[in-house]
Amino acid sequence: QVQLVESGGGLVQTGASLRLSCAVSERTFSAYRMGWFRQAPGKEREFVAARSYFTTYYADSVKGRFTISGVNANNTVYLQMNSLRPEDTAVYYCAASTYTTNMYSRESNYNYWGQGTQVTVSS
């Protein structure tokens, strides 16, 4: 059973940076795409960023502040978050997709999920 394990969340002040990591338990697992989603209290889970080979995608709300990166060889994906704002407060989830679809922002197109890591940005 493939597992995704996130780490790196925490409590920071506005303007600070955090880097989230997502490690895939199986070294032989090869995802077509890996992504990050987040869910704020009382809101639905939303797309944040995704990476397919050398192509990256971002939600408008994080574009220019967040960067997704990762190396397929070690099956780890990162989310560098800069200039954090209180509205970035959420549980962040790592996801992996083995589906060859272009619908990178749709949750249903990801078939593996991590347990989530809390990011809290204080004002």
N, C-alpha and C. Protein backbone atom coordinates (compact mmCIF):
# COMPACT_ATOMS: atom_id res chain seq x y z
N GLN A 1 0.84 -1.18 0.00
CA GLN A 1 0.00 0.00 0.00
C GLN A 1 0.89 1.24 0.00
N VAL A 2 0.71 2.08 -1.00
CA VAL A 2 1.49 3.30 -1.10
C VAL A 2 0.98 4.31 -0.08
N GLN A 3 1.89 4.92 0.63
CA GLN A 3 1.52 5.96 1.59
C GLN A 3 2.29 7.23 1.29
N LEU A 4 1.60 8.35 1.49
CA LEU A 4 2.22 9.66 1.36
C LEU A 4 2.30 10.27 2.75
N VAL A 5 3.47 10.75 3.11
CA VAL A 5 3.67 11.29 4.44
C VAL A 5 4.15 12.73 4.32
N GLU A 6 3.32 13.66 4.81
CA GLU A 6 3.69 15.07 4.79
C GLU A 6 4.41 15.46 6.07
N SER A 7 5.22 16.49 5.96
CA SER A 7 5.87 17.07 7.13
C SER A 7 6.20 18.53 6.82
N GLY A 8 6.52 19.28 7.86
CA GLY A 8 6.97 20.65 7.67
C GLY A 8 5.97 21.72 8.04
N GLY A 9 4.76 21.34 8.43
CA GLY A 9 3.79 22.34 8.83
C GLY A 9 4.15 22.97 10.16
N GLY A 10 3.41 24.01 10.51
CA GLY A 10 3.67 24.67 11.79
C GLY A 10 2.96 25.99 11.90
N LEU A 11 3.31 26.72 12.95
CA LEU A 11 2.73 28.03 13.22
C LEU A 11 3.78 29.09 12.91
N VAL A 12 3.41 30.03 12.04
CA VAL A 12 4.34 31.09 11.67
C VAL A 12 3.58 32.41 11.62
N GLN A 13 4.34 33.50 11.53
CA GLN A 13 3.73 34.81 11.43
C GLN A 13 3.57 35.22 9.96
N THR A 14 2.73 36.20 9.75
CA THR A 14 2.54 36.72 8.40
C THR A 14 3.87 37.14 7.80
N GLY A 15 4.07 36.74 6.53
CA GLY A 15 5.31 37.08 5.83
C GLY A 15 6.39 36.03 5.93
N ALA A 16 6.20 35.06 6.79
CA ALA A 16 7.22 34.03 6.98
C ALA A 16 7.15 32.99 5.86
N SER A 17 8.08 32.04 5.94
CA SER A 17 8.15 30.97 4.95
C SER A 17 8.10 29.61 5.64
N LEU A 18 7.61 28.64 4.91
CA LEU A 18 7.62 27.26 5.36
C LEU A 18 7.87 26.38 4.14
N ARG A 19 8.46 25.22 4.36
CA ARG A 19 8.59 24.25 3.29
C ARG A 19 7.97 22.94 3.73
N LEU A 20 6.98 22.51 2.98
CA LEU A 20 6.34 21.23 3.23
C LEU A 20 7.01 20.16 2.38
N SER A 21 7.08 18.97 2.95
CA SER A 21 7.64 17.83 2.23
C SER A 21 6.61 16.72 2.18
N CYS A 22 6.67 15.94 1.13
CA CYS A 22 5.78 14.78 1.00
C CYS A 22 6.62 13.63 0.47
N ALA A 23 6.74 12.61 1.27
CA ALA A 23 7.52 11.44 0.90
C ALA A 23 6.61 10.27 0.57
N VAL A 24 6.92 9.59 -0.51
CA VAL A 24 6.17 8.41 -0.92
C VAL A 24 6.84 7.17 -0.34
N SER A 25 6.05 6.31 0.27
CA SER A 25 6.62 5.17 0.98
C SER A 25 7.27 4.15 0.08
N GLU A 26 6.75 3.97 -1.12
CA GLU A 26 7.27 2.96 -2.02
C GLU A 26 8.22 3.59 -3.02
N ARG A 27 9.46 3.12 -3.02
CA ARG A 27 10.48 3.70 -3.89
C ARG A 27 10.19 3.42 -5.36
N THR A 28 9.46 2.32 -5.63
CA THR A 28 9.20 1.97 -7.02
C THR A 28 7.94 2.63 -7.57
N PHE A 29 7.24 3.36 -6.71
CA PHE A 29 6.01 4.02 -7.14
C PHE A 29 6.35 5.16 -8.07
N SER A 30 5.61 5.24 -9.17
CA SER A 30 5.84 6.32 -10.13
C SER A 30 4.52 7.02 -10.38
N ALA A 31 4.43 8.25 -9.96
CA ALA A 31 3.21 9.01 -10.16
C ALA A 31 3.29 9.81 -11.45
N TYR A 32 2.15 9.95 -12.10
CA TYR A 32 2.09 10.82 -13.28
C TYR A 32 2.13 12.28 -12.84
N ARG A 33 1.49 12.55 -11.74
CA ARG A 33 1.45 13.91 -11.20
C ARG A 33 1.38 13.87 -9.69
N MET A 34 2.03 14.83 -9.06
CA MET A 34 1.88 15.01 -7.61
C MET A 34 1.42 16.42 -7.34
N GLY A 35 0.60 16.55 -6.32
CA GLY A 35 0.04 17.86 -6.06
C GLY A 35 -0.16 18.15 -4.60
N TRP A 36 -0.53 19.38 -4.33
CA TRP A 36 -0.87 19.84 -2.99
C TRP A 36 -2.26 20.47 -3.01
N PHE A 37 -3.03 20.13 -2.03
CA PHE A 37 -4.33 20.72 -1.81
C PHE A 37 -4.36 21.24 -0.37
N ARG A 38 -5.34 22.07 -0.06
CA ARG A 38 -5.49 22.54 1.31
C ARG A 38 -6.95 22.70 1.66
N GLN A 39 -7.22 22.62 2.94
CA GLN A 39 -8.58 22.79 3.43
C GLN A 39 -8.56 23.67 4.65
N ALA A 40 -9.17 24.82 4.53
CA ALA A 40 -9.29 25.75 5.65
C ALA A 40 -10.54 25.40 6.45
N PRO A 41 -10.60 25.81 7.72
CA PRO A 41 -11.77 25.50 8.55
C PRO A 41 -13.05 26.01 7.91
N GLY A 42 -14.03 25.13 7.80
CA GLY A 42 -15.32 25.52 7.27
C GLY A 42 -15.38 25.65 5.76
N LYS A 43 -14.30 25.31 5.09
CA LYS A 43 -14.26 25.43 3.63
C LYS A 43 -13.98 24.09 2.99
N GLU A 44 -14.25 24.01 1.70
CA GLU A 44 -13.94 22.80 0.96
C GLU A 44 -12.44 22.75 0.63
N ARG A 45 -11.99 21.55 0.40
CA ARG A 45 -10.59 21.39 0.02
C ARG A 45 -10.37 22.01 -1.36
N GLU A 46 -9.24 22.69 -1.52
CA GLU A 46 -8.98 23.37 -2.78
C GLU A 46 -7.58 23.04 -3.29
N PHE A 47 -7.45 23.15 -4.60
CA PHE A 47 -6.18 22.92 -5.25
C PHE A 47 -5.19 24.03 -4.92
N VAL A 48 -3.92 23.65 -4.73
CA VAL A 48 -2.87 24.63 -4.46
C VAL A 48 -1.83 24.60 -5.58
N ALA A 49 -1.26 23.43 -5.83
CA ALA A 49 -0.20 23.33 -6.83
C ALA A 49 -0.05 21.88 -7.25
N ALA A 50 0.52 21.69 -8.45
CA ALA A 50 0.76 20.34 -8.94
C ALA A 50 1.98 20.34 -9.85
N ARG A 51 2.55 19.15 -9.98
CA ARG A 51 3.74 19.01 -10.82
C ARG A 51 3.65 17.70 -11.60
N SER A 52 3.81 17.81 -12.93
CA SER A 52 3.86 16.64 -13.79
C SER A 52 5.18 16.71 -14.54
N TYR A 53 6.07 15.80 -14.26
CA TYR A 53 7.39 15.83 -14.85
C TYR A 53 7.97 17.24 -14.70
N PHE A 54 8.09 18.02 -15.74
CA PHE A 54 8.68 19.35 -15.63
C PHE A 54 7.66 20.48 -15.78
N THR A 55 6.40 20.13 -15.70
CA THR A 55 5.33 21.14 -15.81
C THR A 55 4.71 21.37 -14.44
N THR A 56 4.56 22.64 -14.08
CA THR A 56 3.96 22.97 -12.80
C THR A 56 2.70 23.80 -12.99
N TYR A 57 1.80 23.70 -12.02
CA TYR A 57 0.53 24.41 -12.06
C TYR A 57 0.29 25.00 -10.67
N TYR A 58 -0.32 26.17 -10.64
CA TYR A 58 -0.60 26.84 -9.37
C TYR A 58 -1.98 27.45 -9.36
N ALA A 59 -2.56 27.47 -8.19
CA ALA A 59 -3.78 28.25 -7.99
C ALA A 59 -3.41 29.72 -8.04
N ASP A 60 -4.32 30.54 -8.51
CA ASP A 60 -4.05 31.97 -8.63
C ASP A 60 -3.69 32.58 -7.27
N SER A 61 -4.28 32.07 -6.21
CA SER A 61 -4.08 32.64 -4.88
C SER A 61 -2.66 32.45 -4.35
N VAL A 62 -1.91 31.51 -4.92
CA VAL A 62 -0.56 31.24 -4.42
C VAL A 62 0.52 31.51 -5.46
N LYS A 63 0.11 31.82 -6.66
CA LYS A 63 1.07 32.02 -7.75
C LYS A 63 2.04 33.16 -7.38
N GLY A 64 3.32 32.90 -7.57
CA GLY A 64 4.34 33.89 -7.23
C GLY A 64 4.82 33.80 -5.80
N ARG A 65 4.11 33.07 -4.96
CA ARG A 65 4.52 32.92 -3.55
C ARG A 65 4.92 31.49 -3.22
N PHE A 66 4.24 30.52 -3.83
CA PHE A 66 4.50 29.11 -3.55
C PHE A 66 5.23 28.49 -4.75
N THR A 67 6.07 27.51 -4.45
CA THR A 67 6.77 26.78 -5.48
C THR A 67 6.74 25.29 -5.18
N ILE A 68 6.28 24.52 -6.15
CA ILE A 68 6.28 23.07 -6.00
C ILE A 68 7.49 22.52 -6.73
N SER A 69 8.16 21.59 -6.10
CA SER A 69 9.33 20.98 -6.71
C SER A 69 9.45 19.55 -6.22
N GLY A 70 10.28 18.80 -6.87
CA GLY A 70 10.47 17.43 -6.45
C GLY A 70 11.27 16.67 -7.48
N VAL A 71 11.82 15.61 -7.04
CA VAL A 71 12.63 14.78 -7.91
C VAL A 71 12.00 13.41 -7.95
N ASN A 72 11.65 12.94 -9.14
CA ASN A 72 10.98 11.65 -9.26
C ASN A 72 11.84 10.51 -8.73
N ALA A 73 13.16 10.66 -8.78
CA ALA A 73 14.04 9.59 -8.38
C ALA A 73 13.85 9.20 -6.92
N ASN A 74 13.54 10.16 -6.07
CA ASN A 74 13.35 9.81 -4.66
C ASN A 74 11.91 9.97 -4.22
N ASN A 75 11.02 10.21 -5.18
CA ASN A 75 9.60 10.26 -4.88
C ASN A 75 9.26 11.19 -3.73
N THR A 76 9.84 12.34 -3.73
CA THR A 76 9.53 13.34 -2.72
C THR A 76 9.16 14.63 -3.42
N VAL A 77 8.11 15.24 -2.97
CA VAL A 77 7.69 16.52 -3.53
C VAL A 77 7.65 17.56 -2.42
N TYR A 78 8.01 18.78 -2.76
CA TYR A 78 8.09 19.86 -1.78
C TYR A 78 7.15 20.99 -2.18
N LEU A 79 6.74 21.73 -1.18
CA LEU A 79 5.99 22.96 -1.42
C LEU A 79 6.65 24.05 -0.60
N GLN A 80 7.37 24.92 -1.29
CA GLN A 80 7.98 26.06 -0.65
C GLN A 80 6.96 27.19 -0.61
N MET A 81 6.66 27.66 0.58
CA MET A 81 5.64 28.69 0.75
C MET A 81 6.29 29.93 1.33
N ASN A 82 6.29 30.99 0.56
CA ASN A 82 6.86 32.27 0.99
C ASN A 82 5.77 33.31 1.15
N SER A 83 6.09 34.36 1.85
CA SER A 83 5.15 35.47 2.05
C SER A 83 3.79 34.97 2.52
N LEU A 84 3.80 34.14 3.52
CA LEU A 84 2.56 33.53 4.00
C LEU A 84 1.61 34.56 4.58
N ARG A 85 0.34 34.28 4.37
CA ARG A 85 -0.73 35.18 4.83
C ARG A 85 -1.67 34.40 5.73
N PRO A 86 -2.43 35.11 6.57
CA PRO A 86 -3.40 34.39 7.42
C PRO A 86 -4.38 33.53 6.61
N GLU A 87 -4.73 33.95 5.42
CA GLU A 87 -5.66 33.17 4.60
C GLU A 87 -5.04 31.89 4.05
N ASP A 88 -3.74 31.71 4.24
CA ASP A 88 -3.10 30.45 3.86
C ASP A 88 -3.26 29.38 4.95
N THR A 89 -3.81 29.77 6.08
CA THR A 89 -4.02 28.83 7.17
C THR A 89 -4.95 27.71 6.73
N ALA A 90 -4.49 26.48 6.87
CA ALA A 90 -5.26 25.33 6.40
C ALA A 90 -4.49 24.05 6.73
N VAL A 91 -5.18 22.95 6.55
CA VAL A 91 -4.50 21.66 6.54
C VAL A 91 -4.08 21.41 5.09
N TYR A 92 -2.81 21.13 4.90
CA TYR A 92 -2.28 20.91 3.56
C TYR A 92 -2.10 19.42 3.31
N TYR A 93 -2.60 18.97 2.17
CA TYR A 93 -2.57 17.57 1.81
C TYR A 93 -1.71 17.36 0.56
N CYS A 94 -0.91 16.35 0.61
CA CYS A 94 -0.16 15.90 -0.55
C CYS A 94 -1.00 14.84 -1.27
N ALA A 95 -0.93 14.84 -2.59
CA ALA A 95 -1.69 13.87 -3.37
C ALA A 95 -0.86 13.40 -4.55
N ALA A 96 -1.13 12.18 -4.97
CA ALA A 96 -0.43 11.62 -6.13
C ALA A 96 -1.44 11.00 -7.08
N SER A 97 -1.16 11.15 -8.34
CA SER A 97 -2.07 10.62 -9.36
C SER A 97 -1.31 9.72 -10.32
N THR A 98 -1.92 8.57 -10.59
CA THR A 98 -1.38 7.68 -11.63
C THR A 98 -2.20 7.79 -12.91
N TYR A 99 -3.17 8.70 -12.91
CA TYR A 99 -4.02 8.90 -14.07
C TYR A 99 -3.37 9.91 -15.01
N THR A 100 -3.38 9.59 -16.27
CA THR A 100 -2.81 10.51 -17.26
C THR A 100 -3.90 11.44 -17.75
N THR A 101 -4.25 12.37 -16.92
CA THR A 101 -5.28 13.34 -17.23
C THR A 101 -4.71 14.74 -17.10
N ASN A 102 -5.30 15.67 -17.82
CA ASN A 102 -4.85 17.05 -17.72
C ASN A 102 -5.59 17.85 -16.66
N MET A 103 -6.58 17.19 -16.00
CA MET A 103 -7.38 17.89 -14.99
C MET A 103 -6.62 17.91 -13.67
N TYR A 104 -5.58 18.70 -13.61
CA TYR A 104 -4.66 18.68 -12.49
C TYR A 104 -5.24 19.24 -11.20
N SER A 105 -6.29 20.03 -11.29
CA SER A 105 -6.84 20.66 -10.09
C SER A 105 -8.03 19.90 -9.51
N ARG A 106 -8.41 18.82 -10.12
CA ARG A 106 -9.59 18.08 -9.66
C ARG A 106 -9.18 17.00 -8.68
N GLU A 107 -9.77 17.03 -7.49
CA GLU A 107 -9.42 16.06 -6.45
C GLU A 107 -9.62 14.61 -6.90
N SER A 108 -10.67 14.37 -7.64
CA SER A 108 -11.00 13.01 -8.02
C SER A 108 -9.96 12.39 -8.95
N ASN A 109 -9.08 13.22 -9.49
CA ASN A 109 -8.03 12.71 -10.37
C ASN A 109 -6.76 12.33 -9.63
N TYR A 110 -6.83 12.35 -8.32
CA TYR A 110 -5.71 11.91 -7.49
C TYR A 110 -6.14 10.69 -6.70
N ASN A 111 -5.39 9.63 -6.79
CA ASN A 111 -5.81 8.38 -6.15
C ASN A 111 -5.01 8.01 -4.91
N TYR A 112 -4.05 8.84 -4.51
CA TYR A 112 -3.33 8.62 -3.26
C TYR A 112 -3.24 9.96 -2.52
N TRP A 113 -3.47 9.89 -1.20
CA TRP A 113 -3.51 11.10 -0.38
C TRP A 113 -2.73 10.89 0.92
N GLY A 114 -2.11 11.97 1.36
CA GLY A 114 -1.48 11.96 2.67
C GLY A 114 -2.48 12.30 3.75
N GLN A 115 -2.01 12.31 4.99
CA GLN A 115 -2.90 12.54 6.13
C GLN A 115 -3.08 14.02 6.43
N GLY A 116 -2.25 14.84 5.84
CA GLY A 116 -2.37 16.28 6.03
C GLY A 116 -1.42 16.81 7.09
N THR A 117 -1.03 18.07 6.91
CA THR A 117 -0.20 18.75 7.89
C THR A 117 -0.74 20.16 8.08
N GLN A 118 -0.81 20.60 9.32
CA GLN A 118 -1.43 21.89 9.63
C GLN A 118 -0.45 23.03 9.41
N VAL A 119 -0.91 24.04 8.72
CA VAL A 119 -0.17 25.29 8.57
C VAL A 119 -1.04 26.41 9.13
N THR A 120 -0.50 27.13 10.09
CA THR A 120 -1.21 28.24 10.71
C THR A 120 -0.38 29.50 10.58
N VAL A 121 -0.98 30.54 10.01
CA VAL A 121 -0.30 31.81 9.83
C VAL A 121 -1.00 32.85 10.69
N SER A 122 -0.29 33.40 11.64
CA SER A 122 -0.88 34.39 12.54
C SER A 122 -0.66 35.79 11.98
N SER A 123 -1.60 36.67 12.28
CA SER A 123 -1.51 38.05 11.78
C SER A 123 -0.78 38.95 12.75
